[in-house]
Amino acid sequence: PFLLGLCAERGVSVSFLTEAGRFLARVQGPVSGNVLLRLAQTR
């Protein structure tokens, strides 16, 4: 959990997949994107 916390702080995504490569989950830190950009994306 301490590594996951460090990755979240530094913007390093961590993805977990099955051994064969099927996506399972992704750990990502707080969203830091521009809210105006996301509003434009939604529109």
PDB file of all heavy atoms in Angstrom:
ATOM      1  N   PRO A   1       0.817  -1.219   0.000  1.00  0.00           N
ATOM      2  CA  PRO A   1       0.000   0.000   0.000  1.00  0.00           C
ATOM      3  C   PRO A   1       0.848   1.266   0.000  1.00  0.00           C
ATOM      4  O   PRO A   1       0.429   2.301  -0.532  1.00  0.00           O
ATOM      5  CB  PRO A   1      -0.833  -0.128   1.275  1.00  0.00           C
ATOM      6  CG  PRO A   1      -0.108  -1.117   2.127  1.00  0.00           C
ATOM      7  CD  PRO A   1       0.560  -2.058   1.178  1.00  0.00           C
ATOM      8  N   PHE A   2       2.047   1.199   0.574  1.00  0.00           N
ATOM      9  CA  PHE A   2       2.915   2.372   0.602  1.00  0.00           C
ATOM     10  C   PHE A   2       3.445   2.687  -0.794  1.00  0.00           C
ATOM     11  O   PHE A   2       3.574   3.850  -1.178  1.00  0.00           O
ATOM     12  CB  PHE A   2       4.072   2.140   1.578  1.00  0.00           C
ATOM     13  CG  PHE A   2       3.617   1.842   2.977  1.00  0.00           C
ATOM     14  CD1 PHE A   2       3.643   0.545   3.475  1.00  0.00           C
ATOM     15  CD2 PHE A   2       3.122   2.859   3.786  1.00  0.00           C
ATOM     16  CE1 PHE A   2       3.212   0.274   4.763  1.00  0.00           C
ATOM     17  CE2 PHE A   2       2.686   2.595   5.075  1.00  0.00           C
ATOM     18  CZ  PHE A   2       2.723   1.300   5.567  1.00  0.00           C
ATOM     19  N   LEU A   3       3.728   1.659  -1.578  1.00  0.00           N
ATOM     20  CA  LEU A   3       4.138   1.888  -2.965  1.00  0.00           C
ATOM     21  C   LEU A   3       2.984   2.452  -3.780  1.00  0.00           C
ATOM     22  O   LEU A   3       3.163   3.386  -4.566  1.00  0.00           O
ATOM     23  CB  LEU A   3       4.643   0.596  -3.598  1.00  0.00           C
ATOM     24  CG  LEU A   3       4.974   0.704  -5.088  1.00  0.00           C
ATOM     25  CD1 LEU A   3       6.114   1.691  -5.321  1.00  0.00           C
ATOM     26  CD2 LEU A   3       5.311  -0.659  -5.672  1.00  0.00           C
ATOM     27  N   LEU A   4       1.788   1.900  -3.575  1.00  0.00           N
ATOM     28  CA  LEU A   4       0.621   2.409  -4.308  1.00  0.00           C
ATOM     29  C   LEU A   4       0.370   3.877  -3.968  1.00  0.00           C
ATOM     30  O   LEU A   4       0.001   4.671  -4.837  1.00  0.00           O
ATOM     31  CB  LEU A   4      -0.610   1.561  -3.979  1.00  0.00           C
ATOM     32  CG  LEU A   4      -0.558   0.097  -4.444  1.00  0.00           C
ATOM     33  CD1 LEU A   4      -1.817  -0.643  -4.005  1.00  0.00           C
ATOM     34  CD2 LEU A   4      -0.385  -0.001  -5.948  1.00  0.00           C
ATOM     35  N   GLY A   5       0.570   4.227  -2.698  1.00  0.00           N
ATOM     36  CA  GLY A   5       0.411   5.625  -2.308  1.00  0.00           C
ATOM     37  C   GLY A   5       1.433   6.522  -2.979  1.00  0.00           C
ATOM     38  O   GLY A   5       1.101   7.622  -3.438  1.00  0.00           O
ATOM     39  N   LEU A   6       2.678   6.053  -3.065  1.00  0.00           N
ATOM     40  CA  LEU A   6       3.726   6.832  -3.731  1.00  0.00           C
ATOM     41  C   LEU A   6       3.403   7.006  -5.212  1.00  0.00           C
ATOM     42  O   LEU A   6       3.550   8.109  -5.757  1.00  0.00           O
ATOM     43  CB  LEU A   6       5.076   6.112  -3.574  1.00  0.00           C
ATOM     44  CG  LEU A   6       6.265   6.747  -4.316  1.00  0.00           C
ATOM     45  CD1 LEU A   6       6.575   8.131  -3.748  1.00  0.00           C
ATOM     46  CD2 LEU A   6       7.487   5.838  -4.235  1.00  0.00           C
ATOM     47  N   CYS A   7       2.957   5.941  -5.840  1.00  0.00           N
ATOM     48  CA  CYS A   7       2.602   6.023  -7.262  1.00  0.00           C
ATOM     49  C   CYS A   7       1.459   7.008  -7.485  1.00  0.00           C
ATOM     50  O   CYS A   7       1.470   7.785  -8.447  1.00  0.00           O
ATOM     51  CB  CYS A   7       2.227   4.641  -7.785  1.00  0.00           C
ATOM     52  SG  CYS A   7       3.618   3.485  -7.909  1.00  0.00           S
ATOM     53  N   ALA A   8       0.475   6.992  -6.595  1.00  0.00           N
ATOM     54  CA  ALA A   8      -0.653   7.927  -6.711  1.00  0.00           C
ATOM     55  C   ALA A   8      -0.172   9.373  -6.582  1.00  0.00           C
ATOM     56  O   ALA A   8      -0.604  10.257  -7.324  1.00  0.00           O
ATOM     57  CB  ALA A   8      -1.711   7.618  -5.650  1.00  0.00           C
ATOM     58  N   GLU A   9       0.733   9.612  -5.658  1.00  0.00           N
ATOM     59  CA  GLU A   9       1.266  10.969  -5.457  1.00  0.00           C
ATOM     60  C   GLU A   9       2.061  11.451  -6.667  1.00  0.00           C
ATOM     61  O   GLU A   9       2.030  12.633  -7.014  1.00  0.00           O
ATOM     62  CB  GLU A   9       2.178  10.997  -4.225  1.00  0.00           C
ATOM     63  CG  GLU A   9       1.455  10.813  -2.902  1.00  0.00           C
ATOM     64  CD  GLU A   9       2.444  10.717  -1.754  1.00  0.00           C
ATOM     65  OE1 GLU A   9       3.656  10.928  -1.987  1.00  0.00           O
ATOM     66  OE2 GLU A   9       2.020  10.415  -0.620  1.00  0.00           O
ATOM     67  N   ARG A  10       2.771  10.540  -7.319  1.00  0.00           N
ATOM     68  CA  ARG A  10       3.666  10.911  -8.420  1.00  0.00           C
ATOM     69  C   ARG A  10       3.016  10.766  -9.792  1.00  0.00           C
ATOM     70  O   ARG A  10       3.661  10.965 -10.810  1.00  0.00           O
ATOM     71  CB  ARG A  10       4.935  10.053  -8.386  1.00  0.00           C
ATOM     72  CG  ARG A  10       5.751  10.193  -7.119  1.00  0.00           C
ATOM     73  CD  ARG A  10       6.363  11.594  -6.996  1.00  0.00           C
ATOM     74  NE  ARG A  10       7.276  11.647  -5.860  1.00  0.00           N
ATOM     75  CZ  ARG A  10       6.915  11.938  -4.632  1.00  0.00           C
ATOM     76  NH1 ARG A  10       5.641  12.221  -4.381  1.00  0.00           N
ATOM     77  NH2 ARG A  10       7.792  11.974  -3.639  1.00  0.00           N
ATOM     78  N   GLY A  11       1.740  10.399  -9.834  1.00  0.00           N
ATOM     79  CA  GLY A  11       1.055  10.274 -11.111  1.00  0.00           C
ATOM     80  C   GLY A  11       1.456   9.048 -11.902  1.00  0.00           C
ATOM     81  O   GLY A  11       1.350   9.035 -13.138  1.00  0.00           O
ATOM     82  N   VAL A  12       1.921   8.002 -11.214  1.00  0.00           N
ATOM     83  CA  VAL A  12       2.301   6.749 -11.879  1.00  0.00           C
ATOM     84  C   VAL A  12       1.141   5.769 -11.728  1.00  0.00           C
ATOM     85  O   VAL A  12       0.804   5.354 -10.624  1.00  0.00           O
ATOM     86  CB  VAL A  12       3.584   6.157 -11.251  1.00  0.00           C
ATOM     87  CG1 VAL A  12       3.921   4.809 -11.890  1.00  0.00           C
ATOM     88  CG2 VAL A  12       4.745   7.125 -11.396  1.00  0.00           C
ATOM     89  N   SER A  13       0.512   5.404 -12.835  1.00  0.00           N
ATOM     90  CA  SER A  13      -0.624   4.487 -12.773  1.00  0.00           C
ATOM     91  C   SER A  13      -0.131   3.059 -12.573  1.00  0.00           C
ATOM     92  O   SER A  13       0.939   2.680 -13.051  1.00  0.00           O
ATOM     93  CB  SER A  13      -1.441   4.566 -14.060  1.00  0.00           C
ATOM     94  OG  SER A  13      -0.665   4.180 -15.168  1.00  0.00           O
ATOM     95  N   VAL A  14      -0.921   2.263 -11.860  1.00  0.00           N
ATOM     96  CA  VAL A  14      -0.598   0.856 -11.623  1.00  0.00           C
ATOM     97  C   VAL A  14      -1.781   0.020 -12.100  1.00  0.00           C
ATOM     98  O   VAL A  14      -2.899   0.177 -11.608  1.00  0.00           O
ATOM     99  CB  VAL A  14      -0.327   0.579 -10.129  1.00  0.00           C
ATOM    100  CG1 VAL A  14       0.091  -0.879  -9.929  1.00  0.00           C
ATOM    101  CG2 VAL A  14       0.750   1.519  -9.594  1.00  0.00           C
ATOM    102  N   SER A  15      -1.536  -0.844 -13.079  1.00  0.00           N
ATOM    103  CA  SER A  15      -2.591  -1.692 -13.631  1.00  0.00           C
ATOM    104  C   SER A  15      -2.324  -3.147 -13.279  1.00  0.00           C
ATOM    105  O   SER A  15      -1.177  -3.609 -13.321  1.00  0.00           O
ATOM    106  CB  SER A  15      -2.671  -1.533 -15.156  1.00  0.00           C
ATOM    107  OG  SER A  15      -3.045  -0.218 -15.502  1.00  0.00           O
ATOM    108  N   PHE A  16      -3.396  -3.864 -12.939  1.00  0.00           N
ATOM    109  CA  PHE A  16      -3.302  -5.287 -12.630  1.00  0.00           C
ATOM    110  C   PHE A  16      -4.067  -6.075 -13.694  1.00  0.00           C
ATOM    111  O   PHE A  16      -5.229  -5.785 -13.976  1.00  0.00           O
ATOM    112  CB  PHE A  16      -3.880  -5.573 -11.245  1.00  0.00           C
ATOM    113  CG  PHE A  16      -3.082  -4.956 -10.122  1.00  0.00           C
ATOM    114  CD1 PHE A  16      -3.413  -3.706  -9.622  1.00  0.00           C
ATOM    115  CD2 PHE A  16      -1.993  -5.629  -9.577  1.00  0.00           C
ATOM    116  CE1 PHE A  16      -2.669  -3.126  -8.585  1.00  0.00           C
ATOM    117  CE2 PHE A  16      -1.253  -5.066  -8.541  1.00  0.00           C
ATOM    118  CZ  PHE A  16      -1.593  -3.812  -8.054  1.00  0.00           C
ATOM    119  N   LEU A  17      -3.387  -7.054 -14.290  1.00  0.00           N
ATOM    120  CA  LEU A  17      -3.957  -7.882 -15.334  1.00  0.00           C
ATOM    121  C   LEU A  17      -3.795  -9.350 -14.956  1.00  0.00           C
ATOM    122  O   LEU A  17      -2.966  -9.696 -14.110  1.00  0.00           O
ATOM    123  CB  LEU A  17      -3.275  -7.636 -16.684  1.00  0.00           C
ATOM    124  CG  LEU A  17      -3.520  -6.309 -17.400  1.00  0.00           C
ATOM    125  CD1 LEU A  17      -2.785  -5.160 -16.703  1.00  0.00           C
ATOM    126  CD2 LEU A  17      -3.050  -6.375 -18.848  1.00  0.00           C
ATOM    127  N   THR A  18      -4.590 -10.219 -15.579  1.00  0.00           N
ATOM    128  CA  THR A  18      -4.370 -11.638 -15.390  1.00  0.00           C
ATOM    129  C   THR A  18      -3.050 -12.015 -16.053  1.00  0.00           C
ATOM    130  O   THR A  18      -2.484 -11.243 -16.831  1.00  0.00           O
ATOM    131  CB  THR A  18      -5.494 -12.480 -16.006  1.00  0.00           C
ATOM    132  OG1 THR A  18      -5.461 -12.321 -17.437  1.00  0.00           O
ATOM    133  CG2 THR A  18      -6.852 -12.059 -15.475  1.00  0.00           C
ATOM    134  N   GLU A  19      -2.585 -13.221 -15.785  1.00  0.00           N
ATOM    135  CA  GLU A  19      -1.321 -13.657 -16.386  1.00  0.00           C
ATOM    136  C   GLU A  19      -1.410 -13.677 -17.904  1.00  0.00           C
ATOM    137  O   GLU A  19      -0.421 -13.453 -18.607  1.00  0.00           O
ATOM    138  CB  GLU A  19      -0.950 -15.041 -15.857  1.00  0.00           C
ATOM    139  CG  GLU A  19       0.477 -15.449 -16.170  1.00  0.00           C
ATOM    140  CD  GLU A  19       0.854 -16.754 -15.498  1.00  0.00           C
ATOM    141  OE1 GLU A  19       0.012 -17.326 -14.760  1.00  0.00           O
ATOM    142  OE2 GLU A  19       1.981 -17.215 -15.720  1.00  0.00           O
ATOM    143  N   ALA A  20      -2.622 -13.905 -18.434  1.00  0.00           N
ATOM    144  CA  ALA A  20      -2.815 -13.950 -19.882  1.00  0.00           C
ATOM    145  C   ALA A  20      -3.002 -12.563 -20.492  1.00  0.00           C
ATOM    146  O   ALA A  20      -3.043 -12.416 -21.706  1.00  0.00           O
ATOM    147  CB  ALA A  20      -4.019 -14.818 -20.221  1.00  0.00           C
ATOM    148  N   GLY A  21      -3.150 -11.529 -19.639  1.00  0.00           N
ATOM    149  CA  GLY A  21      -3.241 -10.173 -20.161  1.00  0.00           C
ATOM    150  C   GLY A  21      -4.615  -9.549 -20.107  1.00  0.00           C
ATOM    151  O   GLY A  21      -4.824  -8.470 -20.651  1.00  0.00           O
ATOM    152  N   ARG A  22      -5.600 -10.183 -19.434  1.00  0.00           N
ATOM    153  CA  ARG A  22      -6.929  -9.586 -19.327  1.00  0.00           C
ATOM    154  C   ARG A  22      -6.935  -8.550 -18.210  1.00  0.00           C
ATOM    155  O   ARG A  22      -6.483  -8.817 -17.099  1.00  0.00           O
ATOM    156  CB  ARG A  22      -7.987 -10.664 -19.067  1.00  0.00           C
ATOM    157  CG  ARG A  22      -9.419 -10.110 -18.980  1.00  0.00           C
ATOM    158  CD  ARG A  22     -10.424 -11.257 -18.891  1.00  0.00           C
ATOM    159  NE  ARG A  22     -10.199 -12.090 -17.728  1.00  0.00           N
ATOM    160  CZ  ARG A  22     -10.659 -11.819 -16.509  1.00  0.00           C
ATOM    161  NH1 ARG A  22     -11.356 -10.707 -16.283  1.00  0.00           N
ATOM    162  NH2 ARG A  22     -10.415 -12.643 -15.506  1.00  0.00           N
ATOM    163  N   PHE A  23      -7.442  -7.358 -18.507  1.00  0.00           N
ATOM    164  CA  PHE A  23      -7.445  -6.264 -17.541  1.00  0.00           C
ATOM    165  C   PHE A  23      -8.315  -6.599 -16.340  1.00  0.00           C
ATOM    166  O   PHE A  23      -9.426  -7.103 -16.473  1.00  0.00           O
ATOM    167  CB  PHE A  23      -7.947  -4.983 -18.215  1.00  0.00           C
ATOM    168  CG  PHE A  23      -8.035  -3.806 -17.282  1.00  0.00           C
ATOM    169  CD1 PHE A  23      -6.907  -3.059 -16.983  1.00  0.00           C
ATOM    170  CD2 PHE A  23      -9.237  -3.449 -16.710  1.00  0.00           C
ATOM    171  CE1 PHE A  23      -6.980  -1.986 -16.121  1.00  0.00           C
ATOM    172  CE2 PHE A  23      -9.322  -2.367 -15.849  1.00  0.00           C
ATOM    173  CZ  PHE A  23      -8.189  -1.633 -15.554  1.00  0.00           C
ATOM    174  N   LEU A  24      -7.812  -6.293 -15.135  1.00  0.00           N
ATOM    175  CA  LEU A  24      -8.553  -6.516 -13.901  1.00  0.00           C
ATOM    176  C   LEU A  24      -8.890  -5.201 -13.198  1.00  0.00           C
ATOM    177  O   LEU A  24     -10.047  -4.928 -12.889  1.00  0.00           O
ATOM    178  CB  LEU A  24      -7.747  -7.406 -12.944  1.00  0.00           C
ATOM    179  CG  LEU A  24      -7.505  -8.850 -13.386  1.00  0.00           C
ATOM    180  CD1 LEU A  24      -6.583  -9.553 -12.402  1.00  0.00           C
ATOM    181  CD2 LEU A  24      -8.830  -9.604 -13.504  1.00  0.00           C
ATOM    182  N   ALA A  25      -7.875  -4.387 -12.916  1.00  0.00           N
ATOM    183  CA  ALA A  25      -8.103  -3.164 -12.149  1.00  0.00           C
ATOM    184  C   ALA A  25      -6.947  -2.198 -12.377  1.00  0.00           C
ATOM    185  O   ALA A  25      -5.876  -2.576 -12.860  1.00  0.00           O
ATOM    186  CB  ALA A  25      -8.225  -3.486 -10.658  1.00  0.00           C
ATOM    187  N   ARG A  26      -7.192  -0.956 -12.005  1.00  0.00           N
ATOM    188  CA  ARG A  26      -6.185   0.088 -12.172  1.00  0.00           C
ATOM    189  C   ARG A  26      -6.215   0.996 -10.953  1.00  0.00           C
ATOM    190  O   ARG A  26      -7.294   1.389 -10.477  1.00  0.00           O
ATOM    191  CB  ARG A  26      -6.494   0.886 -13.442  1.00  0.00           C
ATOM    192  CG  ARG A  26      -5.530   2.030 -13.750  1.00  0.00           C
ATOM    193  CD  ARG A  26      -6.014   2.729 -15.020  1.00  0.00           C
ATOM    194  NE  ARG A  26      -5.207   3.884 -15.370  1.00  0.00           N
ATOM    195  CZ  ARG A  26      -4.165   3.852 -16.177  1.00  0.00           C
ATOM    196  NH1 ARG A  26      -3.801   2.694 -16.717  1.00  0.00           N
ATOM    197  NH2 ARG A  26      -3.484   4.935 -16.466  1.00  0.00           N
ATOM    198  N   VAL A  27      -5.049   1.324 -10.431  1.00  0.00           N
ATOM    199  CA  VAL A  27      -4.929   2.236  -9.296  1.00  0.00           C
ATOM    200  C   VAL A  27      -4.411   3.563  -9.825  1.00  0.00           C
ATOM    201  O   VAL A  27      -3.366   3.628 -10.466  1.00  0.00           O
ATOM    202  CB  VAL A  27      -3.964   1.673  -8.229  1.00  0.00           C
ATOM    203  CG1 VAL A  27      -3.808   2.664  -7.083  1.00  0.00           C
ATOM    204  CG2 VAL A  27      -4.464   0.330  -7.721  1.00  0.00           C
ATOM    205  N   GLN A  28      -5.160   4.611  -9.557  1.00  0.00           N
ATOM    206  CA  GLN A  28      -4.817   5.931 -10.065  1.00  0.00           C
ATOM    207  C   GLN A  28      -5.021   6.958  -8.962  1.00  0.00           C
ATOM    208  O   GLN A  28      -5.968   6.851  -8.174  1.00  0.00           O
ATOM    209  CB  GLN A  28      -5.710   6.289 -11.266  1.00  0.00           C
ATOM    210  CG  GLN A  28      -5.381   7.596 -11.957  1.00  0.00           C
ATOM    211  CD  GLN A  28      -4.113   7.507 -12.789  1.00  0.00           C
ATOM    212  OE1 GLN A  28      -3.791   6.446 -13.307  1.00  0.00           O
ATOM    213  NE2 GLN A  28      -3.394   8.604 -12.908  1.00  0.00           N
ATOM    214  N   GLY A  29      -4.145   7.959  -8.904  1.00  0.00           N
ATOM    215  CA  GLY A  29      -4.266   8.998  -7.891  1.00  0.00           C
ATOM    216  C   GLY A  29      -5.393   9.971  -8.200  1.00  0.00           C
ATOM    217  O   GLY A  29      -6.159   9.773  -9.149  1.00  0.00           O
ATOM    218  N   PRO A  30      -5.535  11.036  -7.406  1.00  0.00           N
ATOM    219  CA  PRO A  30      -6.593  12.020  -7.624  1.00  0.00           C
ATOM    220  C   PRO A  30      -6.523  12.629  -9.021  1.00  0.00           C
ATOM    221  O   PRO A  30      -5.446  12.858  -9.567  1.00  0.00           O
ATOM    222  CB  PRO A  30      -6.305  13.087  -6.549  1.00  0.00           C
ATOM    223  CG  PRO A  30      -5.501  12.375  -5.518  1.00  0.00           C
ATOM    224  CD  PRO A  30      -4.691  11.356  -6.247  1.00  0.00           C
ATOM    225  N   VAL A  31      -7.689  12.855  -9.606  1.00  0.00           N
ATOM    226  CA  VAL A  31      -7.761  13.469 -10.926  1.00  0.00           C
ATOM    227  C   VAL A  31      -7.290  14.912 -10.840  1.00  0.00           C
ATOM    228  O   VAL A  31      -7.761  15.685 -10.006  1.00  0.00           O
ATOM    229  CB  VAL A  31      -9.210  13.428 -11.468  1.00  0.00           C
ATOM    230  CG1 VAL A  31      -9.304  14.186 -12.779  1.00  0.00           C
ATOM    231  CG2 VAL A  31      -9.656  11.990 -11.648  1.00  0.00           C
ATOM    232  N   SER A  32      -6.333  15.268 -11.703  1.00  0.00           N
ATOM    233  CA  SER A  32      -5.788  16.625 -11.662  1.00  0.00           C
ATOM    234  C   SER A  32      -6.094  17.410 -12.930  1.00  0.00           C
ATOM    235  O   SER A  32      -5.540  18.463 -13.162  1.00  0.00           O
ATOM    236  CB  SER A  32      -4.261  16.556 -11.464  1.00  0.00           C
ATOM    237  OG  SER A  32      -3.657  15.826 -12.513  1.00  0.00           O
ATOM    238  N   GLY A  33      -6.948  16.837 -13.792  1.00  0.00           N
ATOM    239  CA  GLY A  33      -7.246  17.484 -15.065  1.00  0.00           C
ATOM    240  C   GLY A  33      -8.045  18.767 -14.893  1.00  0.00           C
ATOM    241  O   GLY A  33      -8.706  18.999 -13.878  1.00  0.00           O
ATOM    242  N   ASN A  34      -8.020  19.579 -15.921  1.00  0.00           N
ATOM    243  CA  ASN A  34      -8.769  20.825 -15.950  1.00  0.00           C
ATOM    244  C   ASN A  34     -10.253  20.516 -16.047  1.00  0.00           C
ATOM    245  O   ASN A  34     -10.710  19.881 -16.999  1.00  0.00           O
ATOM    246  CB  ASN A  34      -8.303  21.650 -17.158  1.00  0.00           C
ATOM    247  CG  ASN A  34      -8.894  23.042 -17.160  1.00  0.00           C
ATOM    248  OD1 ASN A  34      -9.978  23.266 -16.642  1.00  0.00           O
ATOM    249  ND2 ASN A  34      -8.163  23.968 -17.747  1.00  0.00           N
ATOM    250  N   VAL A  35     -11.046  20.967 -15.081  1.00  0.00           N
ATOM    251  CA  VAL A  35     -12.472  20.666 -15.083  1.00  0.00           C
ATOM    252  C   VAL A  35     -13.157  21.284 -16.295  1.00  0.00           C
ATOM    253  O   VAL A  35     -14.127  20.733 -16.830  1.00  0.00           O
ATOM    254  CB  VAL A  35     -13.119  21.142 -13.766  1.00  0.00           C
ATOM    255  CG1 VAL A  35     -13.073  22.672 -13.664  1.00  0.00           C
ATOM    256  CG2 VAL A  35     -14.551  20.648 -13.657  1.00  0.00           C
ATOM    257  N   LEU A  36     -12.642  22.418 -16.794  1.00  0.00           N
ATOM    258  CA  LEU A  36     -13.240  23.043 -17.969  1.00  0.00           C
ATOM    259  C   LEU A  36     -13.054  22.167 -19.210  1.00  0.00           C
ATOM    260  O   LEU A  36     -13.931  22.114 -20.077  1.00  0.00           O
ATOM    261  CB  LEU A  36     -12.637  24.433 -18.193  1.00  0.00           C
ATOM    262  CG  LEU A  36     -12.865  25.444 -17.067  1.00  0.00           C
ATOM    263  CD1 LEU A  36     -12.200  26.782 -17.409  1.00  0.00           C
ATOM    264  CD2 LEU A  36     -14.361  25.644 -16.836  1.00  0.00           C
ATOM    265  N   LEU A  37     -11.911  21.481 -19.271  1.00  0.00           N
ATOM    266  CA  LEU A  37     -11.684  20.578 -20.395  1.00  0.00           C
ATOM    267  C   LEU A  37     -12.656  19.410 -20.337  1.00  0.00           C
ATOM    268  O   LEU A  37     -13.220  18.998 -21.362  1.00  0.00           O
ATOM    269  CB  LEU A  37     -10.237  20.070 -20.376  1.00  0.00           C
ATOM    270  CG  LEU A  37      -9.881  18.997 -21.403  1.00  0.00           C
ATOM    271  CD1 LEU A  37     -10.127  19.486 -22.825  1.00  0.00           C
ATOM    272  CD2 LEU A  37      -8.429  18.549 -21.242  1.00  0.00           C
ATOM    273  N   ARG A  38     -12.883  18.880 -19.166  1.00  0.00           N
ATOM    274  CA  ARG A  38     -13.804  17.748 -19.042  1.00  0.00           C
ATOM    275  C   ARG A  38     -15.243  18.170 -19.328  1.00  0.00           C
ATOM    276  O   ARG A  38     -16.027  17.394 -19.881  1.00  0.00           O
ATOM    277  CB  ARG A  38     -13.684  17.123 -17.655  1.00  0.00           C
ATOM    278  CG  ARG A  38     -12.298  16.498 -17.440  1.00  0.00           C
ATOM    279  CD  ARG A  38     -12.259  15.519 -16.312  1.00  0.00           C
ATOM    280  NE  ARG A  38     -10.936  14.901 -16.229  1.00  0.00           N
ATOM    281  CZ  ARG A  38     -10.705  13.662 -15.876  1.00  0.00           C
ATOM    282  NH1 ARG A  38     -11.708  12.871 -15.580  1.00  0.00           N
ATOM    283  NH2 ARG A  38      -9.487  13.176 -15.823  1.00  0.00           N
ATOM    284  N   LEU A  39     -15.588  19.378 -18.971  1.00  0.00           N
ATOM    285  CA  LEU A  39     -16.912  19.888 -19.328  1.00  0.00           C
ATOM    286  C   LEU A  39     -17.048  20.009 -20.840  1.00  0.00           C
ATOM    287  O   LEU A  39     -18.089  19.677 -21.416  1.00  0.00           O
ATOM    288  CB  LEU A  39     -17.161  21.242 -18.655  1.00  0.00           C
ATOM    289  CG  LEU A  39     -17.414  21.212 -17.148  1.00  0.00           C
ATOM    290  CD1 LEU A  39     -17.484  22.633 -16.600  1.00  0.00           C
ATOM    291  CD2 LEU A  39     -18.726  20.471 -16.847  1.00  0.00           C
ATOM    292  N   ALA A  40     -15.982  20.471 -21.495  1.00  0.00           N
ATOM    293  CA  ALA A  40     -15.996  20.567 -22.955  1.00  0.00           C
ATOM    294  C   ALA A  40     -16.105  19.184 -23.583  1.00  0.00           C
ATOM    295  O   ALA A  40     -16.792  19.002 -24.601  1.00  0.00           O
ATOM    296  CB  ALA A  40     -14.740  21.280 -23.440  1.00  0.00           C
ATOM    297  N   GLN A  41     -15.448  18.204 -22.987  1.00  0.00           N
ATOM    298  CA  GLN A  41     -15.529  16.830 -23.473  1.00  0.00           C
ATOM    299  C   GLN A  41     -16.957  16.298 -23.355  1.00  0.00           C
ATOM    300  O   GLN A  41     -17.475  15.653 -24.278  1.00  0.00           O
ATOM    301  CB  GLN A  41     -14.571  15.946 -22.677  1.00  0.00           C
ATOM    302  CG  GLN A  41     -14.556  14.485 -23.105  1.00  0.00           C
ATOM    303  CD  GLN A  41     -13.627  13.638 -22.231  1.00  0.00           C
ATOM    304  OE1 GLN A  41     -12.989  14.137 -21.309  1.00  0.00           O
ATOM    305  NE2 GLN A  41     -13.576  12.342 -22.507  1.00  0.00           N
ATOM    306  N   THR A  42     -17.603  16.574 -22.237  1.00  0.00           N
ATOM    307  CA  THR A  42     -18.977  16.124 -22.029  1.00  0.00           C
ATOM    308  C   THR A  42     -19.932  16.798 -23.014  1.00  0.00           C
ATOM    309  O   THR A  42     -20.834  16.152 -23.573  1.00  0.00           O
ATOM    310  CB  THR A  42     -19.425  16.409 -20.588  1.00  0.00           C
ATOM    311  OG1 THR A  42     -18.524  15.756 -19.677  1.00  0.00           O
ATOM    312  CG2 THR A  42     -20.834  15.907 -20.344  1.00  0.00           C
ATOM    313  N   ARG A  43     -19.739  18.095 -23.239  1.00  0.00           N
ATOM    314  CA  ARG A  43     -20.602  18.802 -24.194  1.00  0.00           C
ATOM    315  C   ARG A  43     -20.432  18.242 -25.601  1.00  0.00           C
ATOM    316  O   ARG A  43     -21.405  18.100 -26.348  1.00  0.00           O
ATOM    317  CB  ARG A  43     -20.293  20.307 -24.172  1.00  0.00           C
ATOM    318  CG  ARG A  43     -20.811  21.031 -22.933  1.00  0.00           C
ATOM    319  CD  ARG A  43     -20.778  22.544 -23.132  1.00  0.00           C
ATOM    320  NE  ARG A  43     -19.407  23.024 -23.261  1.00  0.00           N
ATOM    321  CZ  ARG A  43     -18.669  23.446 -22.238  1.00  0.00           C
ATOM    322  NH1 ARG A  43     -19.171  23.416 -21.006  1.00  0.00           N
ATOM    323  NH2 ARG A  43     -17.438  23.887 -22.421  1.00  0.00           N
TER     324      ARG A  43
END
